[in-house]
Amino acid sequence: METYSRRLARKAIEGLARTGLWKESEQALIRSASSYWEDPTANHFATNSHWCRDVGIESTVWNQLGKPHLAILQRHMKAIGKECERERILEWGCGGGANAIHFASSAKEFVGADVSRASLAECKSQLEQRGHANFSLIHIDIAEPEQAVRHLLGTCDVFLCTYVFELLPSPEYGTRVLKLAYELLQPGGCAIIQIKYQTHDRRTQPRRWLYQRNLANMTTYPIDEFWQIASRVGFSPAFVTLLPKDLLVEDERYAYFVLDKRG
């Protein structure tokens, strides 16, 4: 049980964190994130990982989660005249397979990468139940994400990442993933990345403290800033779609970016 003095200390730290006067180091946040995602018994793990389970997301909702994301890809491919099957789609943060079950049919190979081994096992189960065999799964070390996919650099047609960026330890870490996305794509490929965007409300700023408590709001960006970061990385942003309210997951402030890697 938390003592009175500990509770006072925690509230003081939280007050400083909310005003931006205190934040945890990048390494501390990475360690906290690793600890959470490596433990499938952690609070709300199945829901946060988008598992289709009694303890996760209800199946009717879960089956709908990936459809809007596939529609974004299809719309973009049609616009640039590339409606044929992709060679390789890589999803960064595949979770329990909510995107995978829809995207696996759109490529010769689907690669699911995740920081949780339990989620990789769940994603595999969902794909196999639907008869998919054209997939591989990769475990990511949060401290060294680049190492897990070195063998795939320059080989992917699509980099997909939804419901993940807000969970990353920090905006700086997000830039790191964005650079890796660019390196994974071959020329002519595209990235579909969803972020949580900031508004003028201070509560929408990146939290940078107590990862497990604030994990769905750890990393946010102003919309124009993320567009500029993507451009500096080397992408040619094609368009952004805003979703102020996402009724499927009962959350808000989603921005979907489609980013091209020019040939």
Protein backbone atom coordinates (compact mmCIF):
# COMPACT_ATOMS: atom_id res chain seq x y z
CA MET A 1 0.00 0.00 0.00
CA GLU A 2 1.25 3.47 -0.88
CA THR A 3 2.26 5.48 2.18
CA TYR A 4 1.13 9.05 2.75
CA SER A 5 4.64 10.44 2.19
CA ARG A 6 5.08 8.45 -1.02
CA ARG A 7 1.71 9.67 -2.28
CA LEU A 8 2.70 13.29 -1.59
CA ALA A 9 6.01 12.78 -3.40
CA ARG A 10 4.28 11.19 -6.38
CA LYS A 11 1.75 14.01 -6.64
CA ALA A 12 4.54 16.59 -6.45
CA ILE A 13 6.42 14.89 -9.28
CA GLU A 14 3.25 14.61 -11.37
CA GLY A 15 2.58 18.31 -10.84
CA LEU A 16 6.07 19.22 -12.06
CA ALA A 17 5.71 16.86 -15.03
CA ARG A 18 2.42 18.43 -16.12
CA THR A 19 4.01 21.89 -16.18
CA GLY A 20 6.99 20.60 -18.15
CA LEU A 21 9.46 21.26 -15.34
CA TRP A 22 10.37 17.58 -14.98
CA LYS A 23 10.57 14.67 -17.36
CA GLU A 24 12.12 11.23 -17.40
CA SER A 25 15.20 10.56 -19.48
CA GLU A 26 14.92 8.86 -22.85
CA GLN A 27 16.62 5.75 -21.52
CA ALA A 28 14.31 5.57 -18.50
CA LEU A 29 11.26 5.80 -20.75
CA ILE A 30 12.64 3.09 -23.04
CA ARG A 31 13.18 0.80 -20.05
CA SER A 32 9.65 1.44 -18.80
CA ALA A 33 8.18 0.78 -22.25
CA SER A 34 10.15 -2.46 -22.56
CA SER A 35 8.99 -3.61 -19.15
CA TYR A 36 5.34 -2.98 -20.01
CA TRP A 37 5.23 -4.61 -23.46
CA GLU A 38 7.18 -7.66 -22.37
CA ASP A 39 4.55 -8.50 -19.75
CA PRO A 40 1.22 -9.73 -21.21
CA THR A 41 -0.24 -9.71 -17.68
CA ALA A 42 0.20 -5.93 -17.38
CA ASN A 43 -2.89 -3.76 -16.93
CA HIS A 44 -4.95 -3.46 -20.13
CA PHE A 45 -2.22 -5.18 -22.14
CA ALA A 46 -4.58 -7.10 -24.44
CA THR A 47 -6.66 -4.01 -25.22
CA ASN A 48 -3.63 -1.78 -25.76
CA SER A 49 -2.12 -4.47 -28.01
CA HIS A 50 -5.36 -4.78 -30.01
CA TRP A 51 -5.95 -8.45 -29.34
CA CYS A 52 -9.24 -10.04 -30.34
CA ARG A 53 -9.97 -11.64 -27.00
CA ASP A 54 -12.49 -11.44 -24.19
CA VAL A 55 -9.89 -9.38 -22.35
CA GLY A 56 -9.04 -7.36 -25.45
CA ILE A 57 -11.22 -5.78 -28.13
CA GLU A 58 -14.66 -7.17 -28.97
CA SER A 59 -14.49 -9.18 -32.18
CA THR A 60 -17.00 -7.14 -34.21
CA VAL A 61 -14.98 -3.97 -33.56
CA TRP A 62 -11.63 -5.74 -33.94
CA ASN A 63 -12.53 -7.02 -37.40
CA GLN A 64 -13.20 -3.43 -38.53
CA LEU A 65 -9.98 -1.83 -37.25
CA GLY A 66 -7.79 -2.50 -40.27
CA LYS A 67 -10.31 -1.78 -43.01
CA PRO A 68 -9.96 2.04 -43.05
CA HIS A 69 -6.17 1.69 -43.16
CA LEU A 70 -6.31 -0.67 -46.13
CA ALA A 71 -8.67 1.78 -47.85
CA ILE A 72 -6.06 4.55 -47.43
CA LEU A 73 -3.44 2.37 -49.12
CA GLN A 74 -5.77 1.37 -51.94
CA ARG A 75 -6.80 4.97 -52.56
CA HIS A 76 -3.19 6.11 -52.75
CA MET A 77 -2.13 3.23 -54.98
CA LYS A 78 -4.95 4.03 -57.38
CA ALA A 79 -4.00 7.71 -57.42
CA ILE A 80 -0.39 6.96 -58.41
CA GLY A 81 -1.25 4.11 -60.78
CA LYS A 82 0.12 1.21 -58.71
CA GLU A 83 -2.91 -0.94 -58.05
CA CYS A 84 -1.09 -4.26 -58.47
CA GLU A 85 -0.13 -6.56 -55.61
CA ARG A 86 2.79 -5.35 -53.49
CA GLU A 87 5.86 -7.54 -53.02
CA ARG A 88 6.36 -6.85 -49.31
CA ILE A 89 4.33 -4.95 -46.70
CA LEU A 90 5.94 -4.39 -43.30
CA GLU A 91 3.80 -3.41 -40.33
CA TRP A 92 5.62 -1.78 -37.44
CA GLY A 93 3.68 -2.75 -34.32
CA CYS A 94 1.42 -5.51 -35.63
CA GLY A 95 -0.07 -6.22 -32.19
CA GLY A 96 -2.73 -8.92 -32.27
CA GLY A 97 -3.15 -8.81 -36.04
CA ALA A 98 -6.02 -6.35 -36.55
CA ASN A 99 -4.25 -4.84 -39.59
CA ALA A 100 -2.43 -8.01 -40.59
CA ILE A 101 -5.56 -10.01 -41.43
CA HIS A 102 -6.52 -7.38 -44.02
CA PHE A 103 -3.09 -6.46 -45.41
CA ALA A 104 -1.68 -9.98 -45.79
CA SER A 105 -3.85 -10.51 -48.87
CA SER A 106 -2.46 -7.33 -50.49
CA ALA A 107 1.16 -8.49 -50.76
CA LYS A 108 3.23 -11.51 -51.70
CA GLU A 109 4.82 -11.23 -48.25
CA PHE A 110 3.54 -9.60 -45.07
CA VAL A 111 6.07 -8.88 -42.31
CA GLY A 112 4.76 -8.15 -38.83
CA ALA A 113 7.18 -6.54 -36.38
CA ASP A 114 6.42 -5.95 -32.72
CA VAL A 115 8.12 -5.34 -29.36
CA SER A 116 5.96 -8.00 -27.69
CA ARG A 117 6.59 -11.69 -28.27
CA ALA A 118 3.12 -12.44 -26.90
CA SER A 119 1.55 -10.18 -29.53
CA LEU A 120 3.60 -11.80 -32.29
CA ALA A 121 2.23 -15.18 -31.22
CA GLU A 122 -1.31 -13.79 -31.21
CA CYS A 123 -0.85 -12.20 -34.65
CA LYS A 124 0.47 -15.50 -36.01
CA SER A 125 -2.55 -17.34 -34.63
CA GLN A 126 -5.00 -14.92 -36.24
CA LEU A 127 -3.28 -15.10 -39.63
CA GLU A 128 -3.11 -18.88 -39.59
CA GLN A 129 -6.78 -19.16 -38.62
CA ARG A 130 -7.58 -17.31 -41.86
CA GLY A 131 -5.34 -19.45 -44.02
CA HIS A 132 -2.50 -16.98 -44.54
CA ALA A 133 0.95 -18.48 -44.97
CA ASN A 134 2.75 -15.60 -46.72
CA PHE A 135 3.98 -13.91 -43.56
CA SER A 136 6.98 -13.64 -41.26
CA LEU A 137 7.21 -12.10 -37.80
CA ILE A 138 10.04 -10.13 -36.19
CA HIS A 139 10.65 -9.23 -32.56
CA ILE A 140 11.89 -5.68 -31.95
CA ASP A 141 14.17 -4.64 -29.10
CA ILE A 142 12.84 -1.22 -28.09
CA ALA A 143 16.35 -0.06 -27.18
CA GLU A 144 17.73 -1.03 -30.62
CA PRO A 145 14.89 -1.15 -33.15
CA GLU A 146 17.22 -0.78 -36.11
CA GLN A 147 18.94 -4.10 -35.45
CA ALA A 148 15.82 -6.24 -35.89
CA VAL A 149 15.19 -5.25 -39.51
CA ARG A 150 18.66 -4.57 -40.93
CA HIS A 151 18.22 -7.42 -43.41
CA LEU A 152 15.12 -5.76 -44.90
CA LEU A 153 16.52 -2.30 -45.63
CA GLY A 154 15.46 -1.09 -49.05
CA THR A 155 13.17 -4.06 -49.73
CA CYS A 156 9.67 -3.00 -48.64
CA ASP A 157 6.92 -1.53 -50.78
CA VAL A 158 4.75 -0.37 -47.86
CA PHE A 159 5.59 0.57 -44.28
CA LEU A 160 2.45 0.51 -42.13
CA CYS A 161 2.25 1.86 -38.59
CA THR A 162 -1.07 2.66 -36.88
CA TYR A 163 -2.02 3.03 -33.20
CA VAL A 164 1.69 2.88 -32.36
CA PHE A 165 3.38 6.28 -32.55
CA GLU A 166 1.50 7.61 -29.52
CA LEU A 167 2.92 4.65 -27.57
CA LEU A 168 6.55 5.38 -28.45
CA PRO A 169 8.75 6.59 -25.59
CA SER A 170 9.24 10.11 -26.97
CA PRO A 171 8.88 12.29 -30.10
CA GLU A 172 12.62 11.91 -30.65
CA TYR A 173 12.19 8.14 -30.67
CA GLY A 174 9.39 8.64 -33.20
CA THR A 175 11.80 10.46 -35.51
CA ARG A 176 14.12 7.49 -35.16
CA VAL A 177 11.34 5.13 -36.32
CA LEU A 178 10.44 7.49 -39.16
CA LYS A 179 14.05 7.40 -40.42
CA LEU A 180 14.01 3.63 -40.22
CA ALA A 181 10.76 3.53 -42.20
CA TYR A 182 12.41 5.54 -44.97
CA GLU A 183 15.41 3.18 -45.01
CA LEU A 184 13.22 0.07 -45.13
CA LEU A 185 11.30 1.24 -48.19
CA GLN A 186 12.57 0.75 -51.69
CA PRO A 187 12.38 3.74 -54.07
CA GLY A 188 8.74 4.22 -55.07
CA GLY A 189 7.45 2.77 -51.80
CA CYS A 190 5.18 4.53 -49.34
CA ALA A 191 4.60 4.75 -45.60
CA ILE A 192 1.21 5.00 -43.91
CA ILE A 193 1.76 6.35 -40.41
CA GLN A 194 -0.86 7.45 -37.89
CA ILE A 195 0.03 9.83 -35.07
CA LYS A 196 -1.81 11.67 -32.34
CA TYR A 197 -1.69 15.37 -33.07
CA GLN A 198 -1.26 18.23 -30.65
CA THR A 199 -3.65 21.13 -30.25
CA HIS A 200 -3.32 24.37 -28.25
CA ASP A 201 -4.49 22.46 -25.19
CA ARG A 202 -1.47 21.76 -22.98
CA ARG A 203 -2.89 18.34 -22.12
CA THR A 204 -2.15 17.17 -25.67
CA GLN A 205 1.61 17.66 -25.26
CA PRO A 206 3.89 14.57 -25.01
CA ARG A 207 3.82 13.25 -21.45
CA ARG A 208 7.46 12.08 -21.05
CA TRP A 209 6.79 10.58 -17.61
CA LEU A 210 5.29 7.45 -16.00
CA TYR A 211 5.08 5.41 -19.19
CA GLN A 212 2.55 2.81 -18.06
CA ARG A 213 0.14 5.46 -16.81
CA ASN A 214 0.45 7.72 -19.86
CA LEU A 215 1.33 5.25 -22.61
CA ALA A 216 -1.40 6.33 -25.07
CA ASN A 217 -0.17 9.94 -24.94
CA MET A 218 3.59 9.58 -24.71
CA THR A 219 4.33 10.91 -28.20
CA THR A 220 2.36 13.61 -30.00
CA TYR A 221 3.23 16.16 -32.69
CA PRO A 222 1.73 19.27 -34.24
CA ILE A 223 0.47 18.20 -37.67
CA ASP A 224 2.72 20.60 -39.58
CA GLU A 225 5.76 19.59 -37.51
CA PHE A 226 5.38 15.91 -38.33
CA TRP A 227 5.00 16.78 -42.01
CA GLN A 228 8.26 18.76 -41.83
CA ILE A 229 10.10 16.00 -39.95
CA ALA A 230 9.03 13.49 -42.60
CA SER A 231 10.30 15.84 -45.32
CA ARG A 232 13.65 16.25 -43.59
CA VAL A 233 13.99 12.47 -43.34
CA GLY A 234 13.59 12.31 -47.13
CA PHE A 235 9.91 11.55 -47.63
CA SER A 236 7.62 13.38 -50.01
CA PRO A 237 4.39 13.71 -47.99
CA ALA A 238 1.42 12.98 -50.26
CA PHE A 239 -1.48 13.85 -47.96
CA VAL A 240 -2.76 13.73 -44.39
CA THR A 241 -6.23 12.67 -43.24
CA LEU A 242 -7.53 13.86 -39.87
CA LEU A 243 -9.79 11.88 -37.58
CA PRO A 244 -10.67 14.07 -34.57
CA LYS A 245 -12.63 11.19 -33.01
CA ASP A 246 -12.05 7.48 -33.58
CA LEU A 247 -15.20 5.76 -32.40
CA LEU A 248 -13.80 2.27 -32.97
CA VAL A 249 -11.14 2.62 -30.29
CA GLU A 250 -12.81 5.49 -28.41
CA ASP A 251 -9.85 7.85 -28.73
CA GLU A 252 -9.16 11.15 -30.43
CA ARG A 253 -6.83 13.41 -32.44
CA TYR A 254 -5.62 10.95 -35.07
CA ALA A 255 -3.74 12.07 -38.18
CA TYR A 256 -2.96 9.59 -40.97
CA PHE A 257 0.04 10.53 -43.12
CA VAL A 258 0.82 8.98 -46.48
CA LEU A 259 4.51 9.51 -47.25
CA ASP A 260 6.19 8.59 -50.55
CA LYS A 261 9.79 7.61 -51.07
CA ARG A 262 10.53 8.94 -54.51
CA GLY A 263 12.14 6.73 -57.09
